[in-house]
Amino acid sequence: MVRKVKIAVLVSGSGSNLQAIIDNIESGHLSAQIEIVISNTTEAYALRRAEKHGIPSIVIVSHDFSSREEFDQRLIAILNSHGIDLVVLAGFMRVLSPAVLNAFPLKVMNIHPALLPSFPGIHAQGQASDYAVKFSGCTVHFVDEGVDTGPIIIQAVVPVMPEDTEESLGARILAEEHKIYSQAIQWYAEGRLTVNGRRVSVANAAVARVSLCNPPLESPRN
């Protein structure tokens, strides 16, 4: 029987990925329990989502602390007090320090709205749109000390349409985020993830063998 992994979800904004995780837990598709939702802003709509589902939440605001180190130690203390197995970043707009990552080695996941290593950092959907790539997507990865540089667990590919804006592309990417984040957490709960350097292996997982072209190839003309 797969154990329920105890997770903390760190948020700063609307919390749509939090909602997707909650929905998958409540439907029985994700073997996890959200012990605490942590926000670094009181305005995060994600806090209302947590309240609606009876999930404990807490706000820790950086300006309440005299230093980044003090903030990080408070965060670590909260995570430890709830017996957290996995820290899940869901739109958390703050870079975690080495202190936090060392306290939870290979136990912090993040989702990024681009096919890493392309377009790290903020406004990834806009970067992809401005660059006029033919494919974009999203990436779940373990967090390291770089910006969106950690070992990649799973990616989803989204075609970029000629008429796409940052908003329309972002909406299609977000729909895929809601699918792959819960999948990555489930693999973690099942103990199926192995990290060797940059390579993350998923035990007994199928391999995608479909090639994509955008625009699609056309049949040769006689």
C-alpha atoms as a PDB file:
ATOM      1  CA  MET A   1       0.000   0.000   0.000  1.00  0.00           C
ATOM      2  CA  VAL A   2       1.373   3.425  -0.957  1.00  0.00           C
ATOM      3  CA  ARG A   3       1.799   5.717   2.028  1.00  0.00           C
ATOM      4  CA  LYS A   4       0.325   9.188   2.063  1.00  0.00           C
ATOM      5  CA  VAL A   5       3.243  11.563   1.696  1.00  0.00           C
ATOM      6  CA  LYS A   6       3.005  14.594   3.980  1.00  0.00           C
ATOM      7  CA  ILE A   7       3.425  17.751   1.942  1.00  0.00           C
ATOM      8  CA  ALA A   8       3.642  21.481   2.553  1.00  0.00           C
ATOM      9  CA  VAL A   9       2.546  23.709  -0.320  1.00  0.00           C
ATOM     10  CA  LEU A  10       4.256  27.108  -0.557  1.00  0.00           C
ATOM     11  CA  VAL A  11       2.260  29.776  -2.401  1.00  0.00           C
ATOM     12  CA  SER A  12       2.250  33.469  -3.245  1.00  0.00           C
ATOM     13  CA  GLY A  13      -0.654  33.890  -5.656  1.00  0.00           C
ATOM     14  CA  SER A  14      -3.906  32.415  -6.925  1.00  0.00           C
ATOM     15  CA  GLY A  15      -3.048  28.821  -6.097  1.00  0.00           C
ATOM     16  CA  SER A  16      -4.467  27.037  -9.134  1.00  0.00           C
ATOM     17  CA  ASN A  17      -1.807  24.339  -8.839  1.00  0.00           C
ATOM     18  CA  LEU A  18      -2.660  24.022  -5.149  1.00  0.00           C
ATOM     19  CA  GLN A  19      -6.296  23.530  -6.149  1.00  0.00           C
ATOM     20  CA  ALA A  20      -5.370  20.840  -8.662  1.00  0.00           C
ATOM     21  CA  ILE A  21      -3.376  18.993  -5.980  1.00  0.00           C
ATOM     22  CA  ILE A  22      -6.289  19.273  -3.535  1.00  0.00           C
ATOM     23  CA  ASP A  23      -8.724  17.962  -6.169  1.00  0.00           C
ATOM     24  CA  ASN A  24      -6.499  14.986  -6.966  1.00  0.00           C
ATOM     25  CA  ILE A  25      -6.112  14.144  -3.279  1.00  0.00           C
ATOM     26  CA  GLU A  26      -9.854  14.371  -2.645  1.00  0.00           C
ATOM     27  CA  SER A  27     -10.628  12.213  -5.692  1.00  0.00           C
ATOM     28  CA  GLY A  28      -8.207   9.517  -4.504  1.00  0.00           C
ATOM     29  CA  HIS A  29      -5.806   9.978  -7.404  1.00  0.00           C
ATOM     30  CA  LEU A  30      -2.950  11.328  -5.283  1.00  0.00           C
ATOM     31  CA  SER A  31      -1.530   9.605  -2.210  1.00  0.00           C
ATOM     32  CA  ALA A  32      -0.697  12.750  -0.285  1.00  0.00           C
ATOM     33  CA  GLN A  33      -1.896  14.844   2.606  1.00  0.00           C
ATOM     34  CA  ILE A  34      -1.409  18.601   2.714  1.00  0.00           C
ATOM     35  CA  GLU A  35      -0.283  19.299   6.268  1.00  0.00           C
ATOM     36  CA  ILE A  36       0.161  23.050   5.830  1.00  0.00           C
ATOM     37  CA  VAL A  37      -0.125  25.761   3.185  1.00  0.00           C
ATOM     38  CA  ILE A  38       2.467  28.507   3.652  1.00  0.00           C
ATOM     39  CA  SER A  39       2.285  31.915   1.975  1.00  0.00           C
ATOM     40  CA  ASN A  40       4.699  34.834   2.017  1.00  0.00           C
ATOM     41  CA  THR A  41       1.855  37.275   1.377  1.00  0.00           C
ATOM     42  CA  THR A  42      -1.469  37.847   3.077  1.00  0.00           C
ATOM     43  CA  GLU A  43      -3.111  38.593  -0.287  1.00  0.00           C
ATOM     44  CA  ALA A  44      -2.639  35.140  -1.819  1.00  0.00           C
ATOM     45  CA  TYR A  45      -5.968  33.728  -2.998  1.00  0.00           C
ATOM     46  CA  ALA A  46      -4.438  30.298  -2.378  1.00  0.00           C
ATOM     47  CA  LEU A  47      -5.059  30.895   1.335  1.00  0.00           C
ATOM     48  CA  ARG A  48      -8.805  31.050   0.669  1.00  0.00           C
ATOM     49  CA  ARG A  49      -8.591  27.797  -1.261  1.00  0.00           C
ATOM     50  CA  ALA A  50      -6.901  26.137   1.711  1.00  0.00           C
ATOM     51  CA  GLU A  51      -9.513  27.509   4.121  1.00  0.00           C
ATOM     52  CA  LYS A  52     -12.367  26.239   1.933  1.00  0.00           C
ATOM     53  CA  HIS A  53     -10.967  22.713   2.151  1.00  0.00           C
ATOM     54  CA  GLY A  54     -10.137  22.848   5.852  1.00  0.00           C
ATOM     55  CA  ILE A  55      -6.377  22.846   5.311  1.00  0.00           C
ATOM     56  CA  PRO A  56      -4.249  24.703   7.891  1.00  0.00           C
ATOM     57  CA  SER A  57      -2.336  27.704   6.570  1.00  0.00           C
ATOM     58  CA  ILE A  58       0.139  30.249   7.815  1.00  0.00           C
ATOM     59  CA  VAL A  59       1.571  33.502   6.482  1.00  0.00           C
ATOM     60  CA  ILE A  60       5.201  34.440   7.047  1.00  0.00           C
ATOM     61  CA  VAL A  61       6.111  37.803   5.556  1.00  0.00           C
ATOM     62  CA  SER A  62       9.742  38.666   4.953  1.00  0.00           C
ATOM     63  CA  HIS A  63       9.541  42.188   6.401  1.00  0.00           C
ATOM     64  CA  ASP A  64       8.559  40.675   9.754  1.00  0.00           C
ATOM     65  CA  PHE A  65      12.077  39.269  10.054  1.00  0.00           C
ATOM     66  CA  SER A  66      15.371  41.061  10.520  1.00  0.00           C
ATOM     67  CA  SER A  67      17.209  38.928   7.960  1.00  0.00           C
ATOM     68  CA  ARG A  68      16.723  36.340   5.259  1.00  0.00           C
ATOM     69  CA  GLU A  69      18.364  33.793   7.546  1.00  0.00           C
ATOM     70  CA  GLU A  70      15.776  34.435  10.268  1.00  0.00           C
ATOM     71  CA  PHE A  71      12.947  34.013   7.757  1.00  0.00           C
ATOM     72  CA  ASP A  72      14.435  30.753   6.501  1.00  0.00           C
ATOM     73  CA  GLN A  73      14.887  29.353   9.988  1.00  0.00           C
ATOM     74  CA  ARG A  74      11.247  30.126  10.759  1.00  0.00           C
ATOM     75  CA  LEU A  75      10.212  28.351   7.562  1.00  0.00           C
ATOM     76  CA  ILE A  76      12.334  25.311   8.416  1.00  0.00           C
ATOM     77  CA  ALA A  77      10.859  25.200  11.919  1.00  0.00           C
ATOM     78  CA  ILE A  78       7.308  25.225  10.539  1.00  0.00           C
ATOM     79  CA  LEU A  79       8.075  22.462   8.051  1.00  0.00           C
ATOM     80  CA  ASN A  80       9.731  20.299  10.708  1.00  0.00           C
ATOM     81  CA  SER A  81       6.905  20.843  13.184  1.00  0.00           C
ATOM     82  CA  HIS A  82       4.471  19.367  10.661  1.00  0.00           C
ATOM     83  CA  GLY A  83       6.650  16.368   9.826  1.00  0.00           C
ATOM     84  CA  ILE A  84       6.861  17.316   6.171  1.00  0.00           C
ATOM     85  CA  ASP A  85       8.140  14.707   3.712  1.00  0.00           C
ATOM     86  CA  LEU A  86       8.006  16.891   0.590  1.00  0.00           C
ATOM     87  CA  VAL A  87       7.946  20.660   0.056  1.00  0.00           C
ATOM     88  CA  VAL A  88       5.874  21.664  -2.978  1.00  0.00           C
ATOM     89  CA  LEU A  89       6.398  25.120  -4.484  1.00  0.00           C
ATOM     90  CA  ALA A  90       3.257  26.298  -6.276  1.00  0.00           C
ATOM     91  CA  GLY A  91       3.847  29.840  -7.458  1.00  0.00           C
ATOM     92  CA  PHE A  92       6.003  30.708  -4.449  1.00  0.00           C
ATOM     93  CA  MET A  93       7.700  33.955  -5.447  1.00  0.00           C
ATOM     94  CA  ARG A  94      10.730  33.690  -3.232  1.00  0.00           C
ATOM     95  CA  VAL A  95      14.027  31.891  -3.812  1.00  0.00           C
ATOM     96  CA  LEU A  96      14.750  29.303  -1.142  1.00  0.00           C
ATOM     97  CA  SER A  97      18.128  29.548   0.532  1.00  0.00           C
ATOM     98  CA  PRO A  98      20.718  26.770   0.815  1.00  0.00           C
ATOM     99  CA  ALA A  99      19.681  26.427   4.477  1.00  0.00           C
ATOM    100  CA  VAL A 100      16.187  25.304   3.481  1.00  0.00           C
ATOM    101  CA  LEU A 101      17.441  23.044   0.694  1.00  0.00           C
ATOM    102  CA  ASN A 102      20.005  21.436   2.992  1.00  0.00           C
ATOM    103  CA  ALA A 103      17.291  20.785   5.557  1.00  0.00           C
ATOM    104  CA  PHE A 104      15.192  19.051   2.877  1.00  0.00           C
ATOM    105  CA  PRO A 105      17.665  17.575   0.361  1.00  0.00           C
ATOM    106  CA  LEU A 106      15.903  16.419  -2.831  1.00  0.00           C
ATOM    107  CA  LYS A 107      12.635  16.972  -1.000  1.00  0.00           C
ATOM    108  CA  VAL A 108      11.649  20.273  -2.622  1.00  0.00           C
ATOM    109  CA  MET A 109       9.749  20.295  -5.935  1.00  0.00           C
ATOM    110  CA  ASN A 110       8.859  23.183  -8.190  1.00  0.00           C
ATOM    111  CA  ILE A 111       6.841  23.612 -11.365  1.00  0.00           C
ATOM    112  CA  HIS A 112       7.939  26.030 -14.065  1.00  0.00           C
ATOM    113  CA  PRO A 113       5.874  27.175 -17.088  1.00  0.00           C
ATOM    114  CA  ALA A 114       8.514  26.431 -19.737  1.00  0.00           C
ATOM    115  CA  LEU A 115      10.554  23.553 -21.093  1.00  0.00           C
ATOM    116  CA  LEU A 116      13.658  23.961 -18.969  1.00  0.00           C
ATOM    117  CA  PRO A 117      16.473  24.744 -19.400  1.00  0.00           C
ATOM    118  CA  SER A 118      14.841  27.220 -21.810  1.00  0.00           C
ATOM    119  CA  PHE A 119      13.320  30.375 -20.337  1.00  0.00           C
ATOM    120  CA  PRO A 120      14.090  30.102 -16.614  1.00  0.00           C
ATOM    121  CA  GLY A 121      12.995  32.795 -14.192  1.00  0.00           C
ATOM    122  CA  ILE A 122       9.900  34.952 -14.321  1.00  0.00           C
ATOM    123  CA  HIS A 123       7.546  35.589 -17.256  1.00  0.00           C
ATOM    124  CA  ALA A 124       8.548  32.349 -18.963  1.00  0.00           C
ATOM    125  CA  GLN A 125       5.393  32.279 -21.101  1.00  0.00           C
ATOM    126  CA  GLY A 126       6.140  35.788 -22.353  1.00  0.00           C
ATOM    127  CA  GLN A 127       9.748  34.854 -23.055  1.00  0.00           C
ATOM    128  CA  ALA A 128       8.603  31.880 -25.139  1.00  0.00           C
ATOM    129  CA  SER A 129       6.051  33.981 -27.009  1.00  0.00           C
ATOM    130  CA  ASP A 130       8.557  36.776 -27.704  1.00  0.00           C
ATOM    131  CA  TYR A 131      11.145  34.280 -28.915  1.00  0.00           C
ATOM    132  CA  ALA A 132       8.545  32.764 -31.264  1.00  0.00           C
ATOM    133  CA  VAL A 133       9.324  29.160 -30.369  1.00  0.00           C
ATOM    134  CA  LYS A 134       7.129  26.478 -31.946  1.00  0.00           C
ATOM    135  CA  PHE A 135       6.758  24.474 -28.735  1.00  0.00           C
ATOM    136  CA  SER A 136       6.635  25.458 -25.096  1.00  0.00           C
ATOM    137  CA  GLY A 137       5.350  23.628 -22.039  1.00  0.00           C
ATOM    138  CA  CYS A 138       6.050  23.068 -18.371  1.00  0.00           C
ATOM    139  CA  THR A 139       8.553  21.281 -16.159  1.00  0.00           C
ATOM    140  CA  VAL A 140       8.467  19.722 -12.707  1.00  0.00           C
ATOM    141  CA  HIS A 141      11.920  19.580 -11.149  1.00  0.00           C
ATOM    142  CA  PHE A 142      13.689  19.154  -7.861  1.00  0.00           C
ATOM    143  CA  VAL A 143      14.945  22.477  -6.544  1.00  0.00           C
ATOM    144  CA  ASP A 144      18.640  23.208  -6.204  1.00  0.00           C
ATOM    145  CA  GLU A 145      20.508  26.418  -5.444  1.00  0.00           C
ATOM    146  CA  GLY A 146      20.174  27.784  -8.976  1.00  0.00           C
ATOM    147  CA  VAL A 147      17.165  29.443 -10.590  1.00  0.00           C
ATOM    148  CA  ASP A 148      15.098  26.672 -12.213  1.00  0.00           C
ATOM    149  CA  THR A 149      18.203  24.527 -12.677  1.00  0.00           C
ATOM    150  CA  GLY A 150      17.381  21.420 -10.629  1.00  0.00           C
ATOM    151  CA  PRO A 151      17.035  17.840 -11.925  1.00  0.00           C
ATOM    152  CA  ILE A 152      14.000  17.450 -14.192  1.00  0.00           C
ATOM    153  CA  ILE A 153      11.297  14.936 -13.229  1.00  0.00           C
ATOM    154  CA  ILE A 154       8.645  15.370 -15.940  1.00  0.00           C
ATOM    155  CA  GLN A 155       7.815  17.772 -18.758  1.00  0.00           C
ATOM    156  CA  ALA A 156       4.722  18.423 -20.863  1.00  0.00           C
ATOM    157  CA  VAL A 157       4.891  19.922 -24.359  1.00  0.00           C
ATOM    158  CA  VAL A 158       2.416  22.506 -25.666  1.00  0.00           C
ATOM    159  CA  PRO A 159       2.397  23.723 -29.285  1.00  0.00           C
ATOM    160  CA  VAL A 160       2.601  27.474 -29.793  1.00  0.00           C
ATOM    161  CA  MET A 161      -0.098  28.749 -32.140  1.00  0.00           C
ATOM    162  CA  PRO A 162       0.535  31.640 -34.557  1.00  0.00           C
ATOM    163  CA  GLU A 163      -2.203  33.680 -32.886  1.00  0.00           C
ATOM    164  CA  ASP A 164      -1.007  32.994 -29.329  1.00  0.00           C
ATOM    165  CA  THR A 165      -0.495  35.732 -26.796  1.00  0.00           C
ATOM    166  CA  GLU A 166       1.344  35.328 -23.533  1.00  0.00           C
ATOM    167  CA  GLU A 167      -2.029  34.879 -21.841  1.00  0.00           C
ATOM    168  CA  SER A 168      -3.465  32.265 -24.216  1.00  0.00           C
ATOM    169  CA  LEU A 169      -0.228  30.277 -24.256  1.00  0.00           C
ATOM    170  CA  GLY A 170       0.000  30.522 -20.484  1.00  0.00           C
ATOM    171  CA  ALA A 171      -3.539  29.177 -20.068  1.00  0.00           C
ATOM    172  CA  ARG A 172      -2.786  26.056 -22.138  1.00  0.00           C
ATOM    173  CA  ILE A 173       0.476  25.500 -20.289  1.00  0.00           C
ATOM    174  CA  LEU A 174      -1.319  25.849 -16.949  1.00  0.00           C
ATOM    175  CA  ALA A 175      -3.752  23.080 -17.889  1.00  0.00           C
ATOM    176  CA  GLU A 176      -0.773  20.748 -18.322  1.00  0.00           C
ATOM    177  CA  GLU A 177       0.813  21.939 -15.078  1.00  0.00           C
ATOM    178  CA  HIS A 178      -2.271  20.752 -13.218  1.00  0.00           C
ATOM    179  CA  LYS A 179      -1.716  17.251 -14.601  1.00  0.00           C
ATOM    180  CA  ILE A 180       2.016  16.728 -14.307  1.00  0.00           C
ATOM    181  CA  TYR A 181       2.583  18.188 -10.839  1.00  0.00           C
ATOM    182  CA  SER A 182       0.309  15.664  -9.156  1.00  0.00           C
ATOM    183  CA  GLN A 183       1.908  12.901 -11.214  1.00  0.00           C
ATOM    184  CA  ALA A 184       5.376  13.859  -9.979  1.00  0.00           C
ATOM    185  CA  ILE A 185       4.160  13.960  -6.370  1.00  0.00           C
ATOM    186  CA  GLN A 186       2.521  10.554  -6.795  1.00  0.00           C
ATOM    187  CA  TRP A 187       5.752   9.055  -8.116  1.00  0.00           C
ATOM    188  CA  TYR A 188       7.519  10.497  -5.070  1.00  0.00           C
ATOM    189  CA  ALA A 189       4.897   8.984  -2.745  1.00  0.00           C
ATOM    190  CA  GLU A 190       5.376   5.611  -4.417  1.00  0.00           C
ATOM    191  CA  GLY A 191       9.155   5.808  -3.963  1.00  0.00           C
ATOM    192  CA  ARG A 192       9.717   5.531  -7.707  1.00  0.00           C
ATOM    193  CA  LEU A 193      12.051   8.504  -8.208  1.00  0.00           C
ATOM    194  CA  THR A 194      15.819   8.044  -8.263  1.00  0.00           C
ATOM    195  CA  VAL A 195      18.198  10.977  -8.767  1.00  0.00           C
ATOM    196  CA  ASN A 196      21.664  10.432 -10.182  1.00  0.00           C
ATOM    197  CA  GLY A 197      23.326  13.763 -10.869  1.00  0.00           C
ATOM    198  CA  ARG A 198      21.014  15.591 -13.262  1.00  0.00           C
ATOM    199  CA  ARG A 199      19.140  12.460 -14.305  1.00  0.00           C
ATOM    200  CA  VAL A 200      15.854  11.570 -12.602  1.00  0.00           C
ATOM    201  CA  SER A 201      14.673   8.017 -13.261  1.00  0.00           C
ATOM    202  CA  VAL A 202      11.074   6.888 -12.734  1.00  0.00           C
ATOM    203  CA  ALA A 203      10.869   3.179 -11.960  1.00  0.00           C
ATOM    204  CA  ASN A 204       8.572   1.206 -14.272  1.00  0.00           C
ATOM    205  CA  ALA A 205       7.490   4.293 -16.198  1.00  0.00           C
ATOM    206  CA  ALA A 206       6.675   4.130 -19.895  1.00  0.00           C
ATOM    207  CA  VAL A 207       8.741   6.182 -22.347  1.00  0.00           C
ATOM    208  CA  ALA A 208       7.188   8.641 -24.794  1.00  0.00           C
ATOM    209  CA  ARG A 209       8.281   7.716 -28.322  1.00  0.00           C
ATOM    210  CA  VAL A 210       6.243  10.166 -30.404  1.00  0.00           C
ATOM    211  CA  SER A 211       7.985  12.900 -32.396  1.00  0.00           C
ATOM    212  CA  LEU A 212       6.223  16.226 -32.956  1.00  0.00           C
ATOM    213  CA  CYS A 213       6.621  18.905 -35.605  1.00  0.00           C
ATOM    214  CA  ASN A 214       5.057  22.356 -35.572  1.00  0.00           C
ATOM    215  CA  PRO A 215       3.925  23.235 -38.213  1.00  0.00           C
ATOM    216  CA  PRO A 216       3.227  19.583 -39.112  1.00  0.00           C
ATOM    217  CA  LEU A 217       5.113  17.951 -41.980  1.00  0.00           C
ATOM    218  CA  GLU A 218       3.258  17.883 -45.289  1.00  0.00           C
ATOM    219  CA  SER A 219       3.016  14.921 -47.640  1.00  0.00           C
ATOM    220  CA  PRO A 220       5.424  15.126 -50.601  1.00  0.00           C
ATOM    221  CA  ARG A 221       3.808  16.493 -53.753  1.00  0.00           C
ATOM    222  CA  ASN A 222       4.103  14.496 -56.980  1.00  0.00           C
END
